[in-house]
N, C-alpha and C. Protein backbone atom coordinates (compact mmCIF):
# COMPACT_ATOMS: atom_id res chain seq x y z
N UNK A 1 -81.11 -33.69 -33.41
CA UNK A 1 -80.16 -32.49 -33.70
C UNK A 1 -79.08 -33.08 -34.34
N UNK A 2 -78.27 -32.16 -35.54
CA UNK A 2 -77.67 -32.71 -36.34
C UNK A 2 -76.07 -32.46 -35.69
N UNK A 3 -75.36 -32.82 -36.41
CA UNK A 3 -73.86 -33.01 -35.64
C UNK A 3 -73.50 -31.55 -35.79
N UNK A 4 -72.38 -31.09 -34.98
CA UNK A 4 -71.90 -29.67 -35.17
C UNK A 4 -70.69 -29.46 -36.19
N UNK A 5 -70.88 -28.31 -36.62
CA UNK A 5 -69.62 -28.16 -37.54
C UNK A 5 -68.33 -28.12 -36.61
N UNK A 6 -67.12 -28.34 -37.11
CA UNK A 6 -65.86 -28.36 -36.23
C UNK A 6 -65.38 -27.39 -35.38
N UNK A 7 -65.71 -27.15 -34.40
CA UNK A 7 -65.22 -26.19 -33.38
C UNK A 7 -64.10 -26.84 -32.42
N UNK A 8 -63.18 -25.93 -32.35
CA UNK A 8 -62.14 -26.40 -31.37
C UNK A 8 -61.85 -25.10 -30.20
N UNK A 9 -61.44 -25.55 -29.06
CA UNK A 9 -61.27 -24.38 -28.00
C UNK A 9 -59.92 -24.69 -27.61
N UNK A 10 -58.96 -23.45 -27.72
CA UNK A 10 -57.59 -23.59 -27.32
C UNK A 10 -57.56 -22.12 -26.14
N UNK A 11 -56.79 -22.64 -25.20
CA UNK A 11 -56.16 -21.47 -24.36
C UNK A 11 -54.67 -21.40 -24.16
N UNK A 12 -54.13 -20.31 -24.32
CA UNK A 12 -52.64 -19.93 -24.40
C UNK A 12 -52.52 -18.95 -23.27
N UNK A 13 -51.39 -19.46 -22.48
CA UNK A 13 -50.71 -18.21 -21.53
C UNK A 13 -51.57 -17.50 -20.61
N UNK A 14 -52.58 -18.21 -20.26
CA UNK A 14 -53.91 -17.42 -19.55
C UNK A 14 -53.43 -17.31 -18.25
N UNK A 15 -53.74 -16.03 -17.69
CA UNK A 15 -53.46 -15.55 -16.48
C UNK A 15 -55.00 -14.78 -16.10
N UNK A 16 -55.24 -15.32 -14.41
CA UNK A 16 -56.60 -14.78 -14.04
C UNK A 16 -56.12 -14.39 -12.64
N UNK A 17 -57.19 -13.49 -12.12
CA UNK A 17 -56.90 -13.04 -10.71
C UNK A 17 -58.41 -12.84 -10.40
N UNK A 18 -58.54 -12.67 -9.12
CA UNK A 18 -59.95 -12.25 -8.41
C UNK A 18 -59.47 -11.39 -7.29
N UNK A 19 -60.38 -10.37 -7.43
CA UNK A 19 -60.10 -9.35 -6.21
C UNK A 19 -58.65 -8.85 -5.98
N UNK A 20 -57.90 -8.87 -6.96
CA UNK A 20 -56.31 -8.57 -6.78
C UNK A 20 -55.55 -9.55 -6.52
N UNK A 21 -56.01 -10.88 -6.58
CA UNK A 21 -55.40 -12.01 -6.00
C UNK A 21 -55.16 -13.08 -7.14
N UNK A 22 -53.88 -13.49 -7.46
CA UNK A 22 -53.51 -14.33 -8.74
C UNK A 22 -53.90 -15.46 -8.47
N UNK A 23 -54.79 -16.10 -9.44
CA UNK A 23 -55.36 -17.31 -9.08
C UNK A 23 -54.67 -18.39 -9.92
N UNK A 24 -54.24 -18.13 -11.50
CA UNK A 24 -54.17 -19.00 -12.41
C UNK A 24 -52.99 -17.96 -13.04
N UNK A 25 -51.78 -18.75 -13.69
CA UNK A 25 -50.68 -18.11 -14.33
C UNK A 25 -50.11 -19.22 -15.47
N UNK A 26 -49.99 -18.62 -16.82
CA UNK A 26 -49.54 -19.50 -17.56
C UNK A 26 -50.10 -20.53 -18.08
N UNK A 27 -51.94 -20.75 -18.03
CA UNK A 27 -52.32 -21.94 -18.35
C UNK A 27 -52.52 -22.06 -19.75
N UNK A 28 -52.47 -23.44 -20.14
CA UNK A 28 -52.94 -23.63 -21.66
C UNK A 28 -53.37 -24.82 -21.76
N UNK A 29 -54.30 -25.35 -22.76
CA UNK A 29 -54.88 -26.42 -23.49
C UNK A 29 -55.35 -26.37 -24.22
N UNK A 30 -55.78 -27.53 -24.94
CA UNK A 30 -56.56 -27.21 -26.33
C UNK A 30 -57.52 -28.53 -26.09
N UNK A 31 -58.67 -28.30 -26.92
CA UNK A 31 -59.57 -29.10 -27.04
C UNK A 31 -60.24 -29.39 -28.12
N UNK A 32 -60.18 -30.56 -28.79
CA UNK A 32 -60.82 -30.75 -30.26
C UNK A 32 -62.13 -31.26 -30.18
N UNK A 33 -62.91 -31.10 -31.46
CA UNK A 33 -64.15 -31.91 -31.34
C UNK A 33 -64.41 -32.99 -30.86
N UNK A 34 -65.25 -33.19 -29.96
CA UNK A 34 -65.52 -34.75 -29.36
C UNK A 34 -64.72 -35.12 -27.75
N UNK A 35 -63.63 -33.99 -27.74
CA UNK A 35 -63.22 -34.11 -26.53
C UNK A 35 -64.02 -33.43 -25.15
N UNK A 36 -63.42 -34.01 -24.10
CA UNK A 36 -63.83 -33.51 -22.67
C UNK A 36 -62.55 -33.55 -21.97
N UNK A 37 -62.65 -32.31 -21.11
CA UNK A 37 -61.71 -32.17 -19.73
C UNK A 37 -62.30 -31.85 -18.42
N UNK A 38 -61.81 -32.62 -17.62
CA UNK A 38 -61.95 -32.60 -16.19
C UNK A 38 -61.49 -31.58 -15.51
N UNK A 39 -61.77 -30.50 -14.78
CA UNK A 39 -60.90 -29.55 -14.16
C UNK A 39 -61.43 -29.73 -12.45
N UNK A 40 -60.23 -30.22 -12.12
CA UNK A 40 -60.17 -30.20 -10.56
C UNK A 40 -59.23 -29.29 -9.83
N UNK A 41 -59.56 -29.26 -8.49
CA UNK A 41 -58.74 -28.62 -7.54
C UNK A 41 -59.29 -28.15 -6.46
N UNK A 42 -58.81 -27.75 -5.34
CA UNK A 42 -59.21 -27.16 -4.16
C UNK A 42 -59.93 -26.00 -4.24
N UNK A 43 -60.94 -25.38 -3.30
CA UNK A 43 -61.56 -24.34 -3.43
C UNK A 43 -60.60 -23.00 -3.45
N UNK A 44 -61.09 -22.06 -4.30
CA UNK A 44 -60.24 -20.93 -4.36
C UNK A 44 -59.11 -21.06 -5.31
N UNK A 45 -58.83 -22.17 -6.34
CA UNK A 45 -57.55 -22.27 -7.19
C UNK A 45 -58.27 -21.89 -8.50
N UNK A 46 -59.20 -21.26 -8.79
CA UNK A 46 -59.66 -20.42 -9.65
C UNK A 46 -60.45 -21.27 -11.02
N UNK A 47 -61.09 -22.47 -10.63
CA UNK A 47 -61.89 -23.27 -11.27
C UNK A 47 -63.09 -22.40 -11.99
N UNK A 48 -63.91 -22.04 -11.09
CA UNK A 48 -65.12 -21.36 -11.64
C UNK A 48 -64.66 -20.05 -12.23
N UNK A 49 -63.75 -19.03 -11.68
CA UNK A 49 -63.25 -18.26 -12.46
C UNK A 49 -62.60 -18.45 -14.01
N UNK A 50 -61.99 -19.53 -14.16
CA UNK A 50 -61.64 -20.12 -15.23
C UNK A 50 -62.89 -20.28 -16.43
N UNK A 51 -63.87 -20.99 -15.86
CA UNK A 51 -64.99 -21.36 -16.58
C UNK A 51 -65.75 -19.89 -16.96
N UNK A 52 -65.79 -19.01 -16.13
CA UNK A 52 -66.40 -17.73 -16.35
C UNK A 52 -65.64 -16.80 -17.41
N UNK A 53 -64.45 -17.06 -17.29
CA UNK A 53 -63.44 -16.47 -18.32
C UNK A 53 -63.60 -17.22 -19.91
N UNK A 54 -64.04 -18.44 -19.95
CA UNK A 54 -63.97 -19.07 -21.05
C UNK A 54 -65.52 -18.72 -21.70
N UNK A 55 -66.59 -18.32 -20.76
CA UNK A 55 -67.95 -18.13 -21.14
C UNK A 55 -68.03 -16.61 -21.68
N UNK A 56 -66.96 -15.91 -21.29
CA UNK A 56 -66.93 -14.53 -21.92
C UNK A 56 -67.44 -13.75 -20.78
N UNK A 57 -67.31 -14.08 -19.63
CA UNK A 57 -68.08 -13.44 -18.33
C UNK A 57 -66.85 -12.61 -17.60
N UNK A 58 -65.59 -13.04 -17.74
CA UNK A 58 -64.41 -12.45 -17.21
C UNK A 58 -63.51 -12.35 -18.19
N UNK A 59 -62.96 -11.08 -17.92
CA UNK A 59 -61.69 -10.72 -18.68
C UNK A 59 -60.41 -11.25 -18.13
N UNK A 60 -59.61 -11.94 -18.89
CA UNK A 60 -58.37 -12.63 -18.34
C UNK A 60 -57.23 -11.47 -18.11
N UNK A 61 -56.27 -11.48 -17.42
CA UNK A 61 -55.34 -10.63 -17.18
C UNK A 61 -54.41 -10.97 -18.19
N UNK A 62 -53.95 -11.86 -18.85
CA UNK A 62 -53.12 -12.31 -19.87
C UNK A 62 -53.56 -13.57 -20.61
N UNK A 63 -53.02 -13.58 -21.92
CA UNK A 63 -53.19 -14.83 -22.65
C UNK A 63 -54.36 -14.80 -23.74
N UNK A 64 -54.57 -15.76 -24.25
CA UNK A 64 -55.63 -15.81 -25.34
C UNK A 64 -56.59 -17.30 -25.42
N UNK A 65 -57.54 -16.99 -25.67
CA UNK A 65 -58.65 -18.10 -26.00
C UNK A 65 -59.06 -18.07 -27.35
N UNK A 66 -59.06 -19.16 -28.13
CA UNK A 66 -59.44 -19.36 -29.47
C UNK A 66 -60.53 -20.23 -29.92
N UNK A 67 -60.95 -20.03 -30.52
CA UNK A 67 -62.28 -20.53 -31.10
C UNK A 67 -62.60 -20.42 -32.59
N UNK A 68 -63.07 -21.33 -33.04
CA UNK A 68 -63.66 -20.88 -34.53
C UNK A 68 -64.74 -20.04 -34.64
N UNK A 69 -65.65 -19.98 -33.47
CA UNK A 69 -66.78 -19.09 -33.65
C UNK A 69 -66.88 -18.20 -32.48
N UNK A 70 -67.45 -17.17 -32.51
CA UNK A 70 -67.63 -16.28 -31.28
C UNK A 70 -68.28 -16.92 -30.14
N UNK A 71 -67.56 -16.83 -28.73
CA UNK A 71 -67.93 -17.06 -27.62
C UNK A 71 -69.45 -17.44 -27.55
N UNK A 72 -69.98 -16.08 -27.70
CA UNK A 72 -71.21 -15.87 -27.29
C UNK A 72 -72.39 -17.06 -28.25
N UNK A 73 -71.69 -17.37 -29.35
CA UNK A 73 -72.50 -18.26 -30.34
C UNK A 73 -71.98 -19.87 -30.07
N UNK A 74 -70.72 -19.84 -29.43
CA UNK A 74 -70.15 -21.69 -29.52
C UNK A 74 -70.30 -22.03 -28.02
N UNK A 75 -70.66 -21.18 -26.81
CA UNK A 75 -70.69 -21.82 -25.66
C UNK A 75 -72.11 -21.80 -24.81
N UNK A 76 -72.15 -22.86 -24.39
CA UNK A 76 -73.59 -22.90 -23.35
C UNK A 76 -72.81 -23.17 -22.01
N UNK A 77 -73.49 -22.42 -21.14
CA UNK A 77 -72.61 -22.24 -19.83
C UNK A 77 -73.93 -22.85 -18.86
N UNK A 78 -73.45 -23.67 -17.98
CA UNK A 78 -74.38 -24.23 -16.72
C UNK A 78 -73.25 -23.98 -15.46
N UNK A 79 -73.82 -23.02 -14.51
CA UNK A 79 -73.49 -22.66 -13.49
C UNK A 79 -74.12 -23.28 -12.17
N UNK A 80 -73.90 -22.52 -11.13
CA UNK A 80 -74.71 -23.38 -9.92
C UNK A 80 -76.22 -22.96 -10.16
N UNK A 81 -76.59 -22.06 -10.83
CA UNK A 81 -78.07 -22.04 -11.00
C UNK A 81 -78.37 -22.67 -12.23
N UNK A 82 -79.79 -23.37 -12.21
CA UNK A 82 -80.29 -24.03 -13.16
C UNK A 82 -80.97 -23.36 -14.16
N UNK A 83 -81.40 -21.91 -13.85
CA UNK A 83 -82.19 -21.23 -14.67
C UNK A 83 -83.81 -21.59 -14.70
N UNK A 84 -84.28 -21.80 -13.67
CA UNK A 84 -85.80 -22.01 -13.71
C UNK A 84 -86.38 -21.19 -12.65
N UNK A 85 -87.54 -20.82 -12.76
CA UNK A 85 -88.53 -20.01 -11.99
C UNK A 85 -89.33 -21.08 -11.20
N UNK A 86 -89.26 -20.93 -9.82
CA UNK A 86 -90.06 -22.00 -8.90
C UNK A 86 -91.32 -21.99 -9.28
N UNK A 87 -92.12 -21.11 -9.76
CA UNK A 87 -93.62 -21.26 -10.12
C UNK A 87 -94.11 -21.78 -11.48
N UNK A 88 -92.93 -22.05 -12.08
CA UNK A 88 -93.16 -22.40 -13.67
C UNK A 88 -92.80 -24.06 -13.78
N UNK A 89 -93.82 -24.60 -14.48
CA UNK A 89 -93.73 -25.69 -14.80
C UNK A 89 -92.45 -26.05 -16.02
N UNK A 90 -91.92 -27.61 -15.78
CA UNK A 90 -90.89 -27.50 -16.90
C UNK A 90 -91.43 -27.43 -18.32
N UNK A 91 -92.66 -27.77 -18.61
CA UNK A 91 -92.91 -27.82 -19.84
C UNK A 91 -92.69 -26.01 -20.28
N UNK A 92 -93.42 -25.20 -19.41
CA UNK A 92 -93.29 -23.87 -19.64
C UNK A 92 -91.70 -23.10 -19.85
N UNK A 93 -91.13 -23.95 -18.76
CA UNK A 93 -89.48 -23.19 -18.91
C UNK A 93 -89.04 -23.79 -19.97
N UNK A 94 -88.99 -24.62 -20.39
CA UNK A 94 -88.18 -25.32 -21.60
C UNK A 94 -88.61 -25.02 -22.64
N UNK A 95 -90.06 -24.87 -22.64
CA UNK A 95 -90.60 -24.17 -24.08
C UNK A 95 -89.79 -22.64 -24.28
N UNK A 96 -89.88 -21.86 -23.19
CA UNK A 96 -89.15 -20.63 -23.17
C UNK A 96 -87.88 -20.68 -23.97
N UNK A 97 -87.04 -21.50 -22.94
CA UNK A 97 -85.70 -21.44 -23.50
C UNK A 97 -85.37 -22.09 -24.92
N UNK A 98 -86.17 -23.12 -25.37
CA UNK A 98 -86.24 -23.45 -26.68
C UNK A 98 -86.42 -22.37 -27.95
N UNK A 99 -87.31 -21.55 -27.38
CA UNK A 99 -87.70 -20.37 -28.34
C UNK A 99 -86.72 -19.49 -28.43
N UNK A 100 -86.23 -19.26 -27.15
CA UNK A 100 -85.27 -18.27 -27.07
C UNK A 100 -83.77 -18.60 -27.75
N UNK A 101 -83.51 -19.92 -28.19
CA UNK A 101 -82.52 -20.38 -28.55
C UNK A 101 -82.62 -20.80 -30.12
N UNK A 102 -84.00 -20.62 -30.50
CA UNK A 102 -84.25 -21.04 -31.82
C UNK A 102 -84.34 -22.35 -32.16
N UNK A 103 -84.69 -23.29 -30.99
CA UNK A 103 -84.72 -24.69 -31.10
C UNK A 103 -86.14 -25.28 -31.30
N UNK A 104 -86.29 -26.43 -32.00
CA UNK A 104 -87.84 -26.70 -32.02
C UNK A 104 -87.95 -27.63 -30.80
N UNK A 105 -89.49 -27.13 -30.32
CA UNK A 105 -89.92 -27.64 -29.28
C UNK A 105 -90.04 -29.05 -29.19
N UNK A 106 -89.91 -29.95 -30.42
CA UNK A 106 -90.08 -31.15 -30.50
C UNK A 106 -88.60 -31.92 -29.86
N UNK A 107 -87.53 -31.11 -29.57
CA UNK A 107 -86.63 -31.63 -29.22
C UNK A 107 -86.67 -31.80 -27.69
N UNK A 108 -87.56 -31.31 -26.90
CA UNK A 108 -87.71 -31.11 -25.46
C UNK A 108 -87.81 -32.49 -24.68
N UNK A 109 -88.97 -33.40 -25.31
CA UNK A 109 -89.07 -34.40 -24.71
C UNK A 109 -88.05 -35.37 -24.92
N UNK A 110 -87.33 -35.55 -26.07
CA UNK A 110 -86.27 -36.41 -26.36
C UNK A 110 -84.80 -36.22 -25.38
N UNK A 111 -85.00 -35.11 -24.95
CA UNK A 111 -83.91 -34.56 -23.98
C UNK A 111 -84.02 -34.89 -22.50
N UNK A 112 -85.41 -34.78 -22.36
CA UNK A 112 -85.87 -35.11 -21.01
C UNK A 112 -86.19 -36.46 -20.68
N UNK A 113 -86.17 -37.34 -21.89
CA UNK A 113 -85.87 -38.66 -21.55
C UNK A 113 -84.60 -39.30 -21.38
N UNK A 114 -83.64 -38.60 -22.03
CA UNK A 114 -82.28 -38.73 -21.70
C UNK A 114 -81.89 -38.62 -20.30
N UNK A 115 -82.60 -37.70 -19.72
CA UNK A 115 -82.36 -37.34 -18.40
C UNK A 115 -83.29 -38.00 -17.35
N UNK A 116 -84.27 -38.43 -17.86
CA UNK A 116 -85.22 -39.36 -17.24
C UNK A 116 -86.01 -38.57 -16.12
N UNK A 117 -86.53 -37.26 -16.89
CA UNK A 117 -87.36 -36.52 -16.03
C UNK A 117 -88.71 -36.10 -16.99
N UNK A 118 -89.14 -36.79 -18.14
CA UNK A 118 -90.11 -36.51 -19.05
C UNK A 118 -91.51 -36.54 -18.24
N UNK A 119 -91.37 -37.48 -16.99
CA UNK A 119 -92.90 -37.56 -16.23
C UNK A 119 -93.10 -36.11 -15.43
N UNK A 120 -91.98 -35.49 -15.31
CA UNK A 120 -92.01 -34.12 -14.43
C UNK A 120 -92.45 -33.04 -15.41
N UNK A 121 -92.77 -32.97 -16.46
CA UNK A 121 -92.80 -32.06 -17.39
C UNK A 121 -93.86 -30.93 -16.94
N UNK A 122 -94.86 -31.46 -16.41
CA UNK A 122 -95.96 -30.36 -15.63
C UNK A 122 -95.71 -29.92 -14.46
N UNK A 123 -94.73 -30.42 -13.49
CA UNK A 123 -94.56 -29.87 -12.36
C UNK A 123 -93.77 -28.90 -12.15
N UNK A 124 -93.91 -27.71 -11.36
CA UNK A 124 -93.30 -26.55 -11.00
C UNK A 124 -92.04 -26.92 -10.59
N UNK A 125 -91.13 -25.92 -11.01
CA UNK A 125 -89.67 -26.29 -10.82
C UNK A 125 -89.46 -26.19 -9.25
N UNK A 126 -90.26 -25.30 -8.41
CA UNK A 126 -90.03 -25.22 -7.17
C UNK A 126 -90.45 -26.44 -6.28
N UNK A 127 -91.08 -27.63 -7.22
CA UNK A 127 -91.67 -28.66 -6.27
C UNK A 127 -90.51 -29.65 -6.62
N UNK A 128 -89.74 -29.74 -7.40
CA UNK A 128 -88.61 -30.56 -7.57
C UNK A 128 -87.35 -30.77 -6.58
N UNK A 129 -86.54 -31.73 -6.68
CA UNK A 129 -85.43 -32.10 -5.86
C UNK A 129 -84.58 -31.10 -6.45
N UNK A 130 -83.28 -30.79 -5.70
CA UNK A 130 -82.37 -30.41 -6.41
C UNK A 130 -81.63 -31.15 -7.42
N UNK A 131 -81.59 -32.44 -7.26
CA UNK A 131 -81.25 -33.31 -8.21
C UNK A 131 -82.28 -32.92 -9.61
N UNK A 132 -83.32 -33.02 -9.58
CA UNK A 132 -84.32 -33.31 -10.60
C UNK A 132 -84.12 -31.88 -11.31
N UNK A 133 -83.97 -30.72 -10.62
CA UNK A 133 -83.58 -29.48 -11.17
C UNK A 133 -82.33 -29.29 -11.91
N UNK A 134 -81.33 -30.08 -11.23
CA UNK A 134 -80.13 -29.84 -12.02
C UNK A 134 -80.25 -30.77 -13.40
N UNK A 135 -80.87 -31.91 -13.38
CA UNK A 135 -81.42 -32.51 -14.69
C UNK A 135 -82.18 -31.73 -15.70
N UNK A 136 -83.04 -30.78 -15.09
CA UNK A 136 -83.69 -30.01 -15.93
C UNK A 136 -82.69 -28.91 -16.48
N UNK A 137 -81.93 -28.40 -15.69
CA UNK A 137 -80.89 -27.55 -16.15
C UNK A 137 -79.87 -28.28 -17.42
N UNK A 138 -79.79 -29.36 -16.96
CA UNK A 138 -78.82 -29.86 -17.98
C UNK A 138 -79.66 -29.98 -19.43
N UNK A 139 -80.96 -30.09 -19.50
CA UNK A 139 -81.67 -30.10 -20.52
C UNK A 139 -81.94 -28.43 -21.29
N UNK A 140 -82.05 -27.73 -20.39
CA UNK A 140 -82.16 -26.55 -20.72
C UNK A 140 -80.80 -25.86 -21.67
N UNK A 141 -79.49 -26.42 -20.98
CA UNK A 141 -78.22 -25.97 -21.64
C UNK A 141 -78.30 -26.88 -22.84
N UNK A 142 -78.57 -28.15 -22.94
CA UNK A 142 -78.59 -28.76 -24.31
C UNK A 142 -79.73 -27.95 -25.27
N UNK A 143 -80.75 -27.60 -25.01
CA UNK A 143 -81.74 -26.84 -26.12
C UNK A 143 -80.85 -25.74 -26.67
N UNK A 144 -79.68 -25.06 -25.85
CA UNK A 144 -79.09 -23.94 -26.71
C UNK A 144 -78.25 -24.51 -27.91
N UNK A 145 -78.05 -25.91 -28.18
CA UNK A 145 -77.16 -26.43 -29.26
C UNK A 145 -76.03 -25.88 -29.84
N UNK A 146 -75.38 -25.44 -28.72
CA UNK A 146 -73.97 -24.94 -28.79
C UNK A 146 -72.86 -25.98 -28.61
N UNK A 147 -71.81 -25.79 -29.49
CA UNK A 147 -70.87 -27.10 -29.49
C UNK A 147 -70.04 -27.17 -28.13
N UNK A 148 -69.82 -26.23 -27.52
CA UNK A 148 -68.87 -26.19 -26.18
C UNK A 148 -69.72 -26.04 -24.99
N UNK A 149 -69.72 -26.97 -24.26
CA UNK A 149 -70.40 -27.06 -22.76
C UNK A 149 -69.40 -26.59 -21.94
N UNK A 150 -69.67 -25.51 -20.81
CA UNK A 150 -68.93 -25.33 -19.74
C UNK A 150 -69.73 -25.52 -18.49
N UNK A 151 -69.33 -26.60 -17.84
CA UNK A 151 -70.24 -27.31 -16.65
C UNK A 151 -69.57 -26.75 -15.26
N UNK A 152 -70.14 -26.24 -14.47
CA UNK A 152 -69.60 -26.00 -13.31
C UNK A 152 -70.23 -26.92 -12.12
N UNK A 153 -69.55 -27.70 -11.50
CA UNK A 153 -70.09 -28.95 -10.90
C UNK A 153 -71.14 -29.29 -11.10
N UNK A 154 -71.29 -29.80 -12.34
CA UNK A 154 -72.63 -30.25 -12.82
C UNK A 154 -73.22 -31.71 -12.10
N UNK A 155 -72.34 -32.40 -11.50
CA UNK A 155 -73.01 -33.36 -10.56
C UNK A 155 -73.13 -33.14 -9.24
N UNK A 156 -73.08 -31.84 -8.67
CA UNK A 156 -73.13 -31.82 -7.20
C UNK A 156 -74.41 -32.42 -6.83
N UNK A 157 -75.23 -31.81 -7.18
CA UNK A 157 -76.63 -32.58 -6.45
C UNK A 157 -77.51 -33.63 -7.01
N UNK A 158 -76.31 -34.42 -7.99
CA UNK A 158 -77.07 -35.64 -8.43
C UNK A 158 -76.69 -37.00 -7.56
N UNK A 159 -77.64 -37.98 -7.76
CA UNK A 159 -77.07 -39.39 -7.33
C UNK A 159 -76.60 -39.94 -8.21
N UNK A 160 -76.15 -41.25 -7.84
CA UNK A 160 -75.54 -42.27 -9.05
C UNK A 160 -76.38 -42.31 -10.29
N UNK A 161 -77.74 -42.59 -10.02
CA UNK A 161 -78.47 -42.54 -11.18
C UNK A 161 -78.37 -41.42 -12.22
N UNK A 162 -78.51 -40.01 -11.20
CA UNK A 162 -78.24 -38.85 -12.05
C UNK A 162 -76.75 -38.95 -12.80
N UNK A 163 -75.73 -38.99 -12.09
CA UNK A 163 -74.69 -38.96 -12.58
C UNK A 163 -74.39 -39.93 -14.01
N UNK A 164 -75.29 -41.07 -13.92
CA UNK A 164 -75.00 -41.82 -15.18
C UNK A 164 -75.83 -41.16 -16.12
N UNK A 165 -76.87 -40.51 -15.97
CA UNK A 165 -77.67 -39.86 -17.12
C UNK A 165 -76.75 -38.61 -17.51
N UNK A 166 -76.06 -38.16 -16.61
CA UNK A 166 -75.16 -36.96 -16.80
C UNK A 166 -74.25 -37.75 -18.04
N UNK A 167 -73.71 -38.70 -17.67
CA UNK A 167 -72.38 -39.11 -18.63
C UNK A 167 -73.06 -39.66 -19.98
N UNK A 168 -74.04 -40.11 -19.93
CA UNK A 168 -74.89 -40.43 -21.09
C UNK A 168 -75.13 -39.15 -22.02
N UNK A 169 -75.48 -38.12 -21.17
CA UNK A 169 -75.70 -36.84 -22.09
C UNK A 169 -74.47 -36.37 -22.67
N UNK A 170 -73.31 -36.40 -21.81
CA UNK A 170 -72.12 -35.85 -22.27
C UNK A 170 -71.37 -36.72 -23.61
N UNK A 171 -71.63 -37.99 -23.31
CA UNK A 171 -71.58 -38.99 -24.31
C UNK A 171 -71.98 -38.57 -25.77
N UNK A 172 -73.62 -38.35 -25.41
CA UNK A 172 -74.16 -37.98 -26.63
C UNK A 172 -73.60 -36.76 -27.39
N UNK A 173 -73.28 -35.72 -26.60
CA UNK A 173 -72.98 -34.19 -26.89
C UNK A 173 -71.48 -34.60 -27.75
N UNK A 174 -70.62 -35.45 -27.07
CA UNK A 174 -69.30 -35.38 -27.96
C UNK A 174 -69.55 -36.36 -29.10
N UNK A 175 -70.20 -37.26 -29.13
CA UNK A 175 -70.50 -37.90 -30.55
C UNK A 175 -71.09 -36.80 -31.51
N UNK A 176 -71.45 -36.03 -31.27
CA UNK A 176 -71.85 -34.94 -32.23
C UNK A 176 -70.75 -33.89 -32.52
N UNK A 177 -69.67 -34.21 -31.98
CA UNK A 177 -68.54 -33.32 -32.12
C UNK A 177 -68.58 -32.08 -31.31
N UNK A 178 -69.24 -32.23 -30.29
CA UNK A 178 -69.17 -31.12 -29.07
C UNK A 178 -67.93 -31.28 -28.17
N UNK A 179 -67.96 -30.34 -27.34
CA UNK A 179 -66.66 -30.20 -26.55
C UNK A 179 -67.28 -30.15 -25.08
N UNK A 180 -66.57 -30.77 -23.99
CA UNK A 180 -67.04 -30.55 -22.59
C UNK A 180 -66.13 -30.10 -21.81
N UNK A 181 -66.25 -29.01 -21.08
CA UNK A 181 -65.16 -28.81 -20.09
C UNK A 181 -65.88 -28.82 -18.53
N UNK A 182 -65.57 -29.76 -17.66
CA UNK A 182 -66.53 -29.55 -16.36
C UNK A 182 -65.60 -29.26 -15.18
N UNK A 183 -65.99 -28.47 -14.42
CA UNK A 183 -65.22 -27.99 -13.21
C UNK A 183 -65.85 -28.95 -11.96
N UNK A 184 -65.37 -29.91 -11.25
CA UNK A 184 -65.77 -30.89 -10.48
C UNK A 184 -64.90 -31.06 -9.27
N UNK A 185 -65.66 -31.45 -8.07
CA UNK A 185 -65.06 -32.42 -6.92
C UNK A 185 -65.55 -33.39 -6.90
N UNK A 186 -66.61 -33.85 -7.90
CA UNK A 186 -66.72 -35.21 -7.95
C UNK A 186 -66.27 -36.41 -9.01
N UNK A 187 -65.99 -37.38 -8.68
CA UNK A 187 -65.58 -38.10 -9.63
C UNK A 187 -66.39 -38.48 -10.67
N UNK A 188 -66.02 -38.11 -11.93
CA UNK A 188 -66.53 -38.28 -13.08
C UNK A 188 -66.20 -39.21 -13.71
N UNK A 189 -66.69 -40.46 -14.32
CA UNK A 189 -66.14 -41.57 -15.09
C UNK A 189 -66.59 -41.28 -16.52
N UNK A 190 -65.95 -40.24 -17.46
CA UNK A 190 -66.07 -39.96 -18.86
C UNK A 190 -65.09 -40.65 -19.36
N UNK A 191 -65.40 -41.49 -20.26
CA UNK A 191 -64.35 -42.30 -21.34
C UNK A 191 -63.67 -41.20 -21.95
N UNK A 192 -62.02 -41.46 -21.84
CA UNK A 192 -61.16 -40.80 -22.70
C UNK A 192 -61.23 -39.24 -22.24
N UNK A 193 -61.86 -38.87 -20.89
CA UNK A 193 -61.56 -37.39 -20.58
C UNK A 193 -60.31 -36.76 -20.06
N UNK A 194 -59.91 -35.67 -20.43
CA UNK A 194 -58.72 -35.21 -19.96
C UNK A 194 -58.81 -34.88 -18.65
N UNK A 195 -57.92 -34.55 -17.83
CA UNK A 195 -57.67 -34.18 -16.63
C UNK A 195 -56.57 -33.09 -16.37
N UNK A 196 -57.21 -31.97 -15.80
CA UNK A 196 -56.46 -30.81 -15.67
C UNK A 196 -56.62 -30.33 -14.08
N UNK A 197 -55.62 -30.21 -13.17
CA UNK A 197 -55.81 -29.97 -11.56
C UNK A 197 -54.82 -28.71 -11.53
N UNK A 198 -55.78 -27.69 -10.96
CA UNK A 198 -55.43 -26.11 -10.86
C UNK A 198 -54.99 -26.37 -9.25
N UNK A 199 -53.87 -25.86 -9.32
CA UNK A 199 -53.18 -25.50 -7.56
C UNK A 199 -53.34 -24.13 -7.12
N UNK A 200 -53.32 -23.84 -5.92
CA UNK A 200 -53.40 -22.52 -5.39
C UNK A 200 -52.09 -21.90 -5.70
N UNK A 201 -52.26 -20.46 -6.13
CA UNK A 201 -51.08 -19.81 -6.46
C UNK A 201 -50.13 -19.62 -5.30
N UNK A 202 -48.63 -19.66 -5.46
CA UNK A 202 -47.79 -19.18 -4.57
C UNK A 202 -48.06 -18.12 -4.04
């Protein structure tokens, strides 16, 4: 996969609510190509709502989100679901996602090697552990070949080795000019990553 065309992501004066409850107000930050931001905060402070807003799934109450490309073309989103069908093998599932995104099927095995799940390629997703499913979900997301990654609790089901593989994948994405924003309760040791802590609204 070739490097991305330069894309940045900027948030200005963002206000978010859920069910009539204000979660976030006056939020702003900017990310340049190759940068990462770790989003932390207690449950209910709006981390997932912010991620869904950046993905274009939720409309903000106020503020502006700026990106050189349309969100639907720039963003790859990994939520709590890994996008796998229990009865499908990883070979079938990842070929499907590669075709959907217009990616070469030849990129599937190299990405699986990065996550150390290549030997599982013909195993049905329903027979995988949660950590293995999350690694496959990360491969699925990488196949989209989009510059902005939004990761909601990406390390939740991963063990130590899995978190190392995740860090390697994120470093690879950033080296291509990609941007990563991750909402996390886990400690993620990503070099030079920024940190933004959300707090409960008063």
